[in-house]
């Protein structure tokens, strides 16, 4: 994955940046929303979160690729909400090169600090990103402990977006943030 770029001309992008700046968004948030990092489904992953939904209805899915207990890559998919997209984008950048334990220590406040803040009505988006990451790490840990489970799921044709996935979601994460 790389930077996702939509076809927007410079004049239109500048206008969007000016409007968002007037609305109180930091330049970092605007940059991560206009040019989200690591946006998209990861085809070969070690951990995946099912759909995690926040109290406002925004959703996020998260993937991690891990080698020797270090996160090599991370991607996410989210709704178009500026808070969710920028939080997911920032978090994927923050966790690359970190151990699983280090990544688990990242809090919503850490994400908010790295973004330069979010408006009060979007602060929950940082918690959404954190919960999606923790669910992906939970999935990674489940399969690390019992690697035969992923092989079995492939054998029976289990679809990661289909049923039988409830056991992958940590208790409490199925609730809204």
N, C-alpha and C. Protein backbone atom coordinates (compact mmCIF):
# COMPACT_ATOMS: atom_id res chain seq x y z
N UNK A 1 0.85 -1.17 0.00
CA UNK A 1 0.00 0.00 0.00
C UNK A 1 0.89 1.23 0.00
N UNK A 2 0.40 2.26 -0.40
CA UNK A 2 1.13 3.51 -0.36
C UNK A 2 0.16 4.60 0.00
N UNK A 3 0.45 5.77 -0.47
CA UNK A 3 -0.46 6.87 -0.26
C UNK A 3 -1.58 6.75 -1.27
N UNK A 4 -2.79 6.81 -0.81
CA UNK A 4 -3.95 6.77 -1.68
C UNK A 4 -4.19 8.19 -2.17
N UNK A 5 -4.38 8.36 -3.44
CA UNK A 5 -4.53 9.70 -4.00
C UNK A 5 -5.74 9.74 -4.91
N UNK A 6 -6.68 10.60 -4.62
CA UNK A 6 -7.81 10.78 -5.51
C UNK A 6 -7.45 11.84 -6.53
N UNK A 7 -8.23 11.92 -7.60
CA UNK A 7 -7.98 12.90 -8.64
C UNK A 7 -8.65 14.21 -8.27
N UNK A 8 -7.89 15.08 -7.64
CA UNK A 8 -8.37 16.40 -7.26
C UNK A 8 -7.35 17.39 -7.76
N UNK A 9 -7.80 18.43 -8.47
CA UNK A 9 -6.82 19.39 -8.95
C UNK A 9 -6.33 20.27 -7.80
N UNK A 10 -5.20 20.91 -8.02
CA UNK A 10 -4.56 21.69 -6.94
C UNK A 10 -5.45 22.81 -6.42
N UNK A 11 -6.20 23.46 -7.29
CA UNK A 11 -7.07 24.54 -6.86
C UNK A 11 -8.15 24.02 -5.93
N UNK A 12 -8.75 22.90 -6.30
CA UNK A 12 -9.79 22.30 -5.47
C UNK A 12 -9.20 21.85 -4.13
N UNK A 13 -8.03 21.21 -4.16
CA UNK A 13 -7.39 20.76 -2.92
C UNK A 13 -7.06 21.94 -2.02
N UNK A 14 -6.56 23.03 -2.59
CA UNK A 14 -6.24 24.20 -1.78
C UNK A 14 -7.49 24.76 -1.13
N UNK A 15 -8.59 24.77 -1.88
CA UNK A 15 -9.86 25.25 -1.32
C UNK A 15 -10.33 24.37 -0.17
N UNK A 16 -10.18 23.06 -0.33
CA UNK A 16 -10.55 22.12 0.73
C UNK A 16 -9.68 22.36 1.96
N UNK A 17 -8.37 22.51 1.74
CA UNK A 17 -7.45 22.76 2.86
C UNK A 17 -7.84 24.04 3.62
N UNK A 18 -8.18 25.10 2.89
CA UNK A 18 -8.55 26.36 3.52
C UNK A 18 -9.82 26.21 4.35
N UNK A 19 -10.83 25.53 3.80
CA UNK A 19 -12.07 25.32 4.53
C UNK A 19 -11.85 24.51 5.80
N UNK A 20 -11.07 23.44 5.68
CA UNK A 20 -10.81 22.58 6.84
C UNK A 20 -9.98 23.31 7.90
N UNK A 21 -9.04 24.14 7.46
CA UNK A 21 -8.24 24.93 8.40
C UNK A 21 -9.15 25.90 9.16
N UNK A 22 -10.07 26.55 8.44
CA UNK A 22 -11.03 27.47 9.09
C UNK A 22 -11.92 26.73 10.08
N UNK A 23 -12.20 25.45 9.79
CA UNK A 23 -13.03 24.65 10.69
C UNK A 23 -12.25 24.12 11.89
N UNK A 24 -10.94 24.41 11.95
CA UNK A 24 -10.15 24.06 13.12
C UNK A 24 -9.34 22.77 13.01
N UNK A 25 -9.29 22.17 11.83
CA UNK A 25 -8.49 20.95 11.66
C UNK A 25 -7.02 21.31 11.53
N UNK A 26 -6.16 20.50 12.14
CA UNK A 26 -4.72 20.73 12.02
C UNK A 26 -4.25 20.36 10.62
N UNK A 27 -3.11 20.89 10.23
CA UNK A 27 -2.54 20.56 8.92
C UNK A 27 -2.24 19.07 8.81
N UNK A 28 -1.86 18.45 9.92
CA UNK A 28 -1.56 17.00 9.92
C UNK A 28 -2.83 16.21 9.63
N UNK A 29 -3.94 16.57 10.27
CA UNK A 29 -5.21 15.89 10.03
C UNK A 29 -5.62 16.05 8.57
N UNK A 30 -5.53 17.26 8.07
CA UNK A 30 -5.91 17.54 6.68
C UNK A 30 -5.06 16.72 5.73
N UNK A 31 -3.77 16.67 5.97
CA UNK A 31 -2.86 15.91 5.10
C UNK A 31 -3.20 14.42 5.11
N UNK A 32 -3.46 13.86 6.30
CA UNK A 32 -3.79 12.43 6.39
C UNK A 32 -5.17 12.12 5.81
N UNK A 33 -6.06 13.10 5.78
CA UNK A 33 -7.37 12.86 5.18
C UNK A 33 -7.29 12.96 3.66
N UNK A 34 -6.58 13.97 3.16
CA UNK A 34 -6.47 14.14 1.71
C UNK A 34 -5.55 13.10 1.09
N UNK A 35 -4.56 12.65 1.84
CA UNK A 35 -3.58 11.67 1.35
C UNK A 35 -3.39 10.57 2.38
N UNK A 36 -4.43 9.76 2.60
CA UNK A 36 -4.32 8.73 3.65
C UNK A 36 -3.21 7.72 3.34
N UNK A 37 -2.49 7.37 4.38
CA UNK A 37 -1.42 6.37 4.26
C UNK A 37 -2.02 4.99 4.54
N UNK A 38 -1.54 4.01 3.80
CA UNK A 38 -1.83 2.59 4.09
C UNK A 38 -3.32 2.26 4.06
N UNK A 39 -4.05 2.92 3.20
CA UNK A 39 -5.48 2.69 3.07
C UNK A 39 -5.73 1.54 2.11
N UNK A 40 -6.45 0.53 2.57
CA UNK A 40 -6.81 -0.59 1.71
C UNK A 40 -6.64 -1.92 2.41
N UNK A 41 -7.29 -2.93 1.87
CA UNK A 41 -7.21 -4.27 2.42
C UNK A 41 -5.84 -4.88 2.15
N UNK A 42 -5.30 -5.59 3.13
CA UNK A 42 -4.04 -6.30 2.97
C UNK A 42 -4.36 -7.75 2.60
N UNK A 43 -3.79 -8.23 1.53
CA UNK A 43 -4.09 -9.58 1.05
C UNK A 43 -3.39 -10.67 1.88
N UNK A 44 -2.15 -10.45 2.24
CA UNK A 44 -1.40 -11.42 3.03
C UNK A 44 -1.09 -10.80 4.38
N UNK A 45 -1.82 -11.21 5.39
CA UNK A 45 -1.72 -10.57 6.71
C UNK A 45 -1.55 -11.62 7.79
N UNK A 46 -1.14 -11.15 8.97
CA UNK A 46 -1.01 -12.04 10.13
C UNK A 46 -2.10 -11.77 11.16
N UNK A 47 -2.70 -10.61 11.12
CA UNK A 47 -3.78 -10.27 12.03
C UNK A 47 -4.76 -9.35 11.35
N UNK A 48 -6.04 -9.53 11.64
CA UNK A 48 -7.11 -8.79 10.98
C UNK A 48 -8.21 -8.49 11.99
N UNK A 49 -8.76 -7.29 11.95
CA UNK A 49 -9.91 -7.00 12.80
C UNK A 49 -11.17 -7.08 11.96
N UNK A 50 -12.18 -7.66 12.52
CA UNK A 50 -13.50 -7.58 11.90
C UNK A 50 -13.93 -6.11 11.95
N UNK A 51 -15.08 -5.82 11.44
CA UNK A 51 -15.61 -4.46 11.44
C UNK A 51 -15.79 -3.98 12.88
N UNK A 52 -15.16 -2.87 13.19
CA UNK A 52 -15.30 -2.22 14.50
C UNK A 52 -16.08 -0.93 14.24
N UNK A 53 -17.13 -0.69 15.00
CA UNK A 53 -17.99 0.46 14.76
C UNK A 53 -18.01 1.38 15.98
N UNK A 54 -17.94 2.69 15.73
CA UNK A 54 -17.97 3.67 16.82
C UNK A 54 -19.40 4.08 17.11
N UNK A 55 -19.57 4.90 18.12
CA UNK A 55 -20.89 5.34 18.55
C UNK A 55 -21.61 6.17 17.48
N UNK A 56 -20.86 6.81 16.59
CA UNK A 56 -21.48 7.64 15.55
C UNK A 56 -21.80 6.83 14.28
N UNK A 57 -21.38 5.57 14.27
CA UNK A 57 -21.66 4.72 13.12
C UNK A 57 -20.47 4.53 12.19
N UNK A 58 -19.38 5.27 12.41
CA UNK A 58 -18.18 5.06 11.60
C UNK A 58 -17.62 3.67 11.87
N UNK A 59 -17.01 3.08 10.85
CA UNK A 59 -16.46 1.73 10.97
C UNK A 59 -15.02 1.70 10.50
N UNK A 60 -14.28 0.70 11.01
CA UNK A 60 -12.89 0.52 10.60
C UNK A 60 -12.55 -0.96 10.63
N UNK A 61 -11.76 -1.39 9.68
CA UNK A 61 -11.15 -2.71 9.61
C UNK A 61 -9.65 -2.48 9.61
N UNK A 62 -8.88 -3.37 10.20
CA UNK A 62 -7.44 -3.16 10.37
C UNK A 62 -6.70 -4.46 10.08
N UNK A 63 -5.56 -4.39 9.39
CA UNK A 63 -4.71 -5.55 9.09
C UNK A 63 -3.28 -5.26 9.55
N UNK A 64 -2.59 -6.30 10.05
CA UNK A 64 -1.18 -6.17 10.40
C UNK A 64 -0.39 -7.34 9.82
N UNK A 65 0.82 -7.05 9.41
CA UNK A 65 1.80 -8.05 8.97
C UNK A 65 2.93 -8.00 9.98
N UNK A 66 3.23 -9.15 10.59
CA UNK A 66 4.18 -9.21 11.70
C UNK A 66 5.30 -10.18 11.36
N UNK A 67 6.53 -9.80 11.68
CA UNK A 67 7.68 -10.70 11.55
C UNK A 67 8.54 -10.55 12.79
N UNK A 68 8.85 -11.67 13.43
CA UNK A 68 9.66 -11.67 14.65
C UNK A 68 9.12 -10.71 15.70
N UNK A 69 7.78 -10.71 15.85
CA UNK A 69 7.08 -9.91 16.84
C UNK A 69 7.13 -8.40 16.56
N UNK A 70 7.54 -8.01 15.36
CA UNK A 70 7.60 -6.59 14.97
C UNK A 70 6.60 -6.37 13.84
N UNK A 71 5.84 -5.31 13.94
CA UNK A 71 4.86 -4.99 12.90
C UNK A 71 5.61 -4.42 11.70
N UNK A 72 5.58 -5.17 10.60
CA UNK A 72 6.24 -4.73 9.37
C UNK A 72 5.36 -3.83 8.54
N UNK A 73 4.06 -4.11 8.55
CA UNK A 73 3.14 -3.33 7.74
C UNK A 73 1.77 -3.33 8.41
N UNK A 74 1.00 -2.29 8.13
CA UNK A 74 -0.35 -2.18 8.65
C UNK A 74 -1.18 -1.41 7.64
N UNK A 75 -2.41 -1.86 7.46
CA UNK A 75 -3.35 -1.15 6.59
C UNK A 75 -4.71 -1.10 7.27
N UNK A 76 -5.58 -0.27 6.74
CA UNK A 76 -6.93 -0.14 7.30
C UNK A 76 -7.89 0.28 6.19
N UNK A 77 -9.15 0.09 6.47
CA UNK A 77 -10.23 0.62 5.64
C UNK A 77 -11.20 1.28 6.60
N UNK A 78 -11.68 2.45 6.22
CA UNK A 78 -12.62 3.17 7.08
C UNK A 78 -13.61 3.95 6.24
N UNK A 79 -14.62 4.45 6.91
CA UNK A 79 -15.59 5.32 6.27
C UNK A 79 -14.90 6.62 5.88
N UNK A 80 -15.61 7.48 5.23
CA UNK A 80 -15.03 8.71 4.71
C UNK A 80 -14.83 9.80 5.77
N UNK A 81 -15.28 9.57 6.98
CA UNK A 81 -15.17 10.55 8.06
C UNK A 81 -13.71 11.00 8.22
N UNK A 82 -13.50 12.31 8.27
CA UNK A 82 -12.15 12.86 8.37
C UNK A 82 -11.45 12.38 9.64
N UNK A 83 -12.17 12.25 10.73
CA UNK A 83 -11.57 11.80 11.99
C UNK A 83 -11.13 10.35 11.92
N UNK A 84 -11.98 9.49 11.36
CA UNK A 84 -11.65 8.06 11.27
C UNK A 84 -10.51 7.83 10.27
N UNK A 85 -10.60 8.46 9.11
CA UNK A 85 -9.56 8.26 8.09
C UNK A 85 -8.20 8.76 8.59
N UNK A 86 -8.17 9.96 9.16
CA UNK A 86 -6.89 10.49 9.62
C UNK A 86 -6.35 9.70 10.82
N UNK A 87 -7.22 9.22 11.70
CA UNK A 87 -6.76 8.42 12.85
C UNK A 87 -6.20 7.08 12.39
N UNK A 88 -6.89 6.40 11.48
CA UNK A 88 -6.39 5.13 10.94
C UNK A 88 -5.08 5.31 10.21
N UNK A 89 -5.00 6.36 9.40
CA UNK A 89 -3.79 6.64 8.64
C UNK A 89 -2.60 6.90 9.58
N UNK A 90 -2.82 7.74 10.57
CA UNK A 90 -1.73 8.06 11.52
C UNK A 90 -1.32 6.83 12.30
N UNK A 91 -2.28 6.04 12.76
CA UNK A 91 -1.94 4.87 13.57
C UNK A 91 -1.13 3.86 12.77
N UNK A 92 -1.46 3.65 11.50
CA UNK A 92 -0.66 2.71 10.71
C UNK A 92 0.79 3.17 10.61
N UNK A 93 1.00 4.46 10.51
CA UNK A 93 2.36 4.99 10.45
C UNK A 93 3.07 4.86 11.80
N UNK A 94 2.33 5.06 12.88
CA UNK A 94 2.91 5.01 14.22
C UNK A 94 3.39 3.61 14.61
N UNK A 95 2.71 2.57 14.14
CA UNK A 95 3.02 1.21 14.62
C UNK A 95 4.05 0.48 13.79
N UNK A 96 4.32 0.93 12.59
CA UNK A 96 5.30 0.23 11.76
C UNK A 96 6.67 0.25 12.44
N UNK A 97 7.28 -0.93 12.54
CA UNK A 97 8.59 -1.05 13.18
C UNK A 97 8.52 -1.24 14.69
N UNK A 98 7.33 -1.21 15.24
CA UNK A 98 7.17 -1.41 16.69
C UNK A 98 6.85 -2.87 16.98
N UNK A 99 7.23 -3.31 18.18
CA UNK A 99 6.85 -4.65 18.61
C UNK A 99 5.35 -4.65 18.89
N UNK A 100 4.79 -5.83 18.99
CA UNK A 100 3.38 -5.96 19.33
C UNK A 100 3.10 -5.26 20.66
N UNK A 101 3.94 -5.46 21.65
CA UNK A 101 3.74 -4.84 22.96
C UNK A 101 3.78 -3.32 22.86
N UNK A 102 4.75 -2.79 22.13
CA UNK A 102 4.84 -1.33 21.96
C UNK A 102 3.58 -0.79 21.28
N UNK A 103 3.09 -1.50 20.27
CA UNK A 103 1.89 -1.05 19.56
C UNK A 103 0.68 -1.05 20.49
N UNK A 104 0.59 -2.04 21.37
CA UNK A 104 -0.54 -2.11 22.30
C UNK A 104 -0.54 -0.96 23.30
N UNK A 105 0.60 -0.36 23.54
CA UNK A 105 0.69 0.75 24.48
C UNK A 105 0.23 2.07 23.87
N UNK A 106 0.04 2.14 22.55
CA UNK A 106 -0.40 3.38 21.92
C UNK A 106 -1.86 3.62 22.29
N UNK A 107 -2.11 4.80 22.79
CA UNK A 107 -3.46 5.15 23.27
C UNK A 107 -4.14 6.11 22.29
N UNK A 108 -5.45 6.28 22.44
CA UNK A 108 -6.13 7.29 21.63
C UNK A 108 -5.52 8.68 21.81
N UNK A 109 -5.08 8.99 23.03
CA UNK A 109 -4.44 10.30 23.25
C UNK A 109 -3.14 10.43 22.47
N UNK A 110 -2.38 9.33 22.34
CA UNK A 110 -1.16 9.37 21.53
C UNK A 110 -1.49 9.67 20.07
N UNK A 111 -2.55 9.06 19.57
CA UNK A 111 -2.97 9.30 18.19
C UNK A 111 -3.41 10.76 18.03
N UNK A 112 -4.20 11.24 18.98
CA UNK A 112 -4.65 12.64 18.93
C UNK A 112 -3.49 13.62 18.97
N UNK A 113 -2.50 13.35 19.82
CA UNK A 113 -1.31 14.21 19.88
C UNK A 113 -0.58 14.23 18.56
N UNK A 114 -0.40 13.05 17.96
CA UNK A 114 0.32 12.96 16.68
C UNK A 114 -0.44 13.70 15.57
N UNK A 115 -1.76 13.72 15.65
CA UNK A 115 -2.57 14.42 14.65
C UNK A 115 -2.67 15.92 14.91
N UNK A 116 -2.25 16.36 16.07
CA UNK A 116 -2.44 17.77 16.43
C UNK A 116 -3.87 18.03 16.89
N UNK A 117 -4.54 16.96 17.34
CA UNK A 117 -5.90 17.07 17.86
C UNK A 117 -6.96 16.85 16.80
N UNK A 118 -8.17 16.66 17.29
CA UNK A 118 -9.37 16.56 16.46
C UNK A 118 -10.46 17.37 17.16
N UNK A 119 -11.44 17.86 16.42
CA UNK A 119 -12.58 18.53 17.08
C UNK A 119 -13.24 17.58 18.08
N UNK A 120 -13.82 18.13 19.11
CA UNK A 120 -14.39 17.34 20.20
C UNK A 120 -15.34 16.24 19.71
N UNK A 121 -16.13 16.55 18.68
CA UNK A 121 -17.11 15.57 18.20
C UNK A 121 -16.47 14.42 17.40
N UNK A 122 -15.16 14.49 17.17
CA UNK A 122 -14.46 13.43 16.43
C UNK A 122 -13.36 12.74 17.24
N UNK A 123 -13.21 13.12 18.50
CA UNK A 123 -12.17 12.54 19.35
C UNK A 123 -12.34 11.02 19.45
N UNK A 124 -13.57 10.54 19.43
CA UNK A 124 -13.81 9.10 19.52
C UNK A 124 -13.19 8.32 18.36
N UNK A 125 -12.88 8.99 17.26
CA UNK A 125 -12.29 8.31 16.09
C UNK A 125 -10.90 7.73 16.42
N UNK A 126 -10.17 8.39 17.30
CA UNK A 126 -8.86 7.86 17.71
C UNK A 126 -9.06 6.56 18.49
N UNK A 127 -10.11 6.51 19.31
CA UNK A 127 -10.41 5.28 20.05
C UNK A 127 -10.86 4.17 19.10
N UNK A 128 -11.58 4.53 18.04
CA UNK A 128 -11.99 3.55 17.03
C UNK A 128 -10.76 2.91 16.39
N UNK A 129 -9.79 3.72 16.00
CA UNK A 129 -8.55 3.19 15.40
C UNK A 129 -7.82 2.29 16.38
N UNK A 130 -7.71 2.72 17.63
CA UNK A 130 -7.02 1.91 18.64
C UNK A 130 -7.72 0.57 18.84
N UNK A 131 -9.04 0.58 18.91
CA UNK A 131 -9.79 -0.67 19.10
C UNK A 131 -9.63 -1.60 17.90
N UNK A 132 -9.60 -1.05 16.70
CA UNK A 132 -9.41 -1.89 15.50
C UNK A 132 -8.02 -2.52 15.51
N UNK A 133 -7.00 -1.74 15.90
CA UNK A 133 -5.65 -2.29 16.01
C UNK A 133 -5.61 -3.41 17.04
N UNK A 134 -6.18 -3.18 18.21
CA UNK A 134 -6.16 -4.21 19.26
C UNK A 134 -6.88 -5.48 18.82
N UNK A 135 -7.96 -5.34 18.06
CA UNK A 135 -8.66 -6.52 17.55
C UNK A 135 -7.80 -7.27 16.54
N UNK A 136 -7.05 -6.55 15.70
CA UNK A 136 -6.15 -7.19 14.73
C UNK A 136 -5.02 -7.91 15.45
N UNK A 137 -4.50 -7.31 16.51
CA UNK A 137 -3.44 -7.95 17.29
C UNK A 137 -3.99 -9.17 18.03
N UNK A 138 -5.21 -9.09 18.52
CA UNK A 138 -5.85 -10.25 19.15
C UNK A 138 -5.95 -11.39 18.15
N UNK A 139 -6.35 -11.10 16.93
CA UNK A 139 -6.43 -12.10 15.87
C UNK A 139 -5.05 -12.70 15.60
N UNK A 140 -4.04 -11.85 15.52
CA UNK A 140 -2.66 -12.32 15.32
C UNK A 140 -2.25 -13.28 16.44
N UNK A 141 -2.53 -12.91 17.68
CA UNK A 141 -2.15 -13.75 18.82
C UNK A 141 -2.90 -15.09 18.83
N UNK A 142 -4.16 -15.09 18.44
CA UNK A 142 -4.94 -16.33 18.37
C UNK A 142 -4.29 -17.29 17.38
N UNK A 143 -3.94 -16.79 16.22
CA UNK A 143 -3.37 -17.67 15.19
C UNK A 143 -1.90 -17.99 15.44
N UNK A 144 -1.22 -17.12 16.13
CA UNK A 144 0.17 -17.42 16.50
C UNK A 144 0.18 -18.61 17.48
N UNK A 145 -0.77 -18.63 18.40
CA UNK A 145 -0.85 -19.71 19.38
C UNK A 145 -1.37 -21.01 18.77
N UNK A 146 -2.21 -20.90 17.75
CA UNK A 146 -2.81 -22.08 17.12
C UNK A 146 -2.84 -21.90 15.61
N UNK A 147 -1.69 -22.01 14.95
CA UNK A 147 -1.64 -21.72 13.50
C UNK A 147 -2.51 -22.62 12.65
N UNK A 148 -2.86 -23.80 13.16
CA UNK A 148 -3.71 -24.71 12.41
C UNK A 148 -5.10 -24.13 12.16
N UNK A 149 -5.54 -23.15 12.97
CA UNK A 149 -6.88 -22.60 12.81
C UNK A 149 -7.06 -21.89 11.46
N UNK A 150 -6.05 -21.14 11.03
CA UNK A 150 -6.17 -20.44 9.75
C UNK A 150 -6.22 -21.45 8.60
N UNK A 151 -5.42 -22.50 8.70
CA UNK A 151 -5.44 -23.55 7.68
C UNK A 151 -6.82 -24.21 7.64
N UNK A 152 -7.38 -24.48 8.80
CA UNK A 152 -8.70 -25.10 8.86
C UNK A 152 -9.76 -24.17 8.24
N UNK A 153 -9.67 -22.89 8.54
CA UNK A 153 -10.64 -21.95 7.97
C UNK A 153 -10.56 -21.93 6.44
N UNK A 154 -9.35 -21.98 5.90
CA UNK A 154 -9.21 -22.04 4.44
C UNK A 154 -9.82 -23.32 3.90
N UNK A 155 -9.61 -24.41 4.61
CA UNK A 155 -10.11 -25.71 4.17
C UNK A 155 -11.64 -25.74 4.12
N UNK A 156 -12.30 -25.12 5.10
CA UNK A 156 -13.77 -25.15 5.12
C UNK A 156 -14.37 -23.98 4.34
N UNK A 157 -13.52 -23.12 3.79
CA UNK A 157 -14.02 -22.00 2.99
C UNK A 157 -14.57 -20.85 3.80
N UNK A 158 -14.07 -20.68 5.01
CA UNK A 158 -14.51 -19.59 5.87
C UNK A 158 -14.12 -18.26 5.24
N UNK A 159 -15.06 -17.35 5.19
CA UNK A 159 -14.83 -16.01 4.65
C UNK A 159 -14.65 -15.07 5.82
N UNK A 160 -13.56 -14.30 5.84
CA UNK A 160 -13.28 -13.43 6.98
C UNK A 160 -14.37 -12.39 7.20
N UNK A 161 -15.15 -12.09 6.18
CA UNK A 161 -16.24 -11.13 6.34
C UNK A 161 -17.56 -11.83 6.62
N UNK A 162 -17.52 -13.17 6.64
CA UNK A 162 -18.74 -13.94 6.88
C UNK A 162 -18.88 -14.32 8.33
N UNK A 163 -19.58 -15.41 8.57
CA UNK A 163 -19.86 -15.85 9.93
C UNK A 163 -18.67 -16.49 10.61
N UNK A 164 -18.95 -17.05 11.76
CA UNK A 164 -17.96 -17.76 12.58
C UNK A 164 -16.81 -16.86 13.02
N UNK A 165 -16.96 -15.57 13.01
CA UNK A 165 -15.86 -14.69 13.34
C UNK A 165 -15.94 -14.14 14.76
N UNK A 166 -17.03 -14.37 15.46
CA UNK A 166 -17.20 -13.78 16.78
C UNK A 166 -16.09 -14.13 17.76
N UNK A 167 -15.52 -15.32 17.63
CA UNK A 167 -14.48 -15.71 18.57
C UNK A 167 -13.20 -14.91 18.39
N UNK A 168 -13.08 -14.16 17.29
CA UNK A 168 -11.87 -13.36 17.04
C UNK A 168 -11.94 -11.99 17.70
N UNK A 169 -13.11 -11.54 18.10
CA UNK A 169 -13.28 -10.21 18.65
C UNK A 169 -13.10 -10.28 20.17
N UNK A 170 -12.15 -9.51 20.71
CA UNK A 170 -11.97 -9.53 22.16
C UNK A 170 -13.22 -9.03 22.87
N UNK A 171 -13.46 -9.54 24.08
CA UNK A 171 -14.62 -9.11 24.86
C UNK A 171 -14.57 -7.59 25.03
N UNK A 172 -15.70 -6.97 24.82
CA UNK A 172 -15.80 -5.51 24.97
C UNK A 172 -15.59 -4.77 23.68
N UNK A 173 -14.88 -5.35 22.71
CA UNK A 173 -14.61 -4.65 21.46
C UNK A 173 -15.81 -4.68 20.53
N UNK A 174 -16.75 -5.57 20.77
CA UNK A 174 -17.91 -5.62 19.91
C UNK A 174 -18.86 -4.48 20.21
N UNK A 175 -18.63 -3.82 21.34
CA UNK A 175 -19.47 -2.70 21.72
C UNK A 175 -18.98 -1.44 21.01
N UNK A 176 -19.86 -0.47 20.96
CA UNK A 176 -19.49 0.80 20.35
C UNK A 176 -18.50 1.52 21.26
N UNK A 177 -17.62 2.33 20.64
CA UNK A 177 -16.68 3.10 21.45
C UNK A 177 -17.32 4.36 21.94
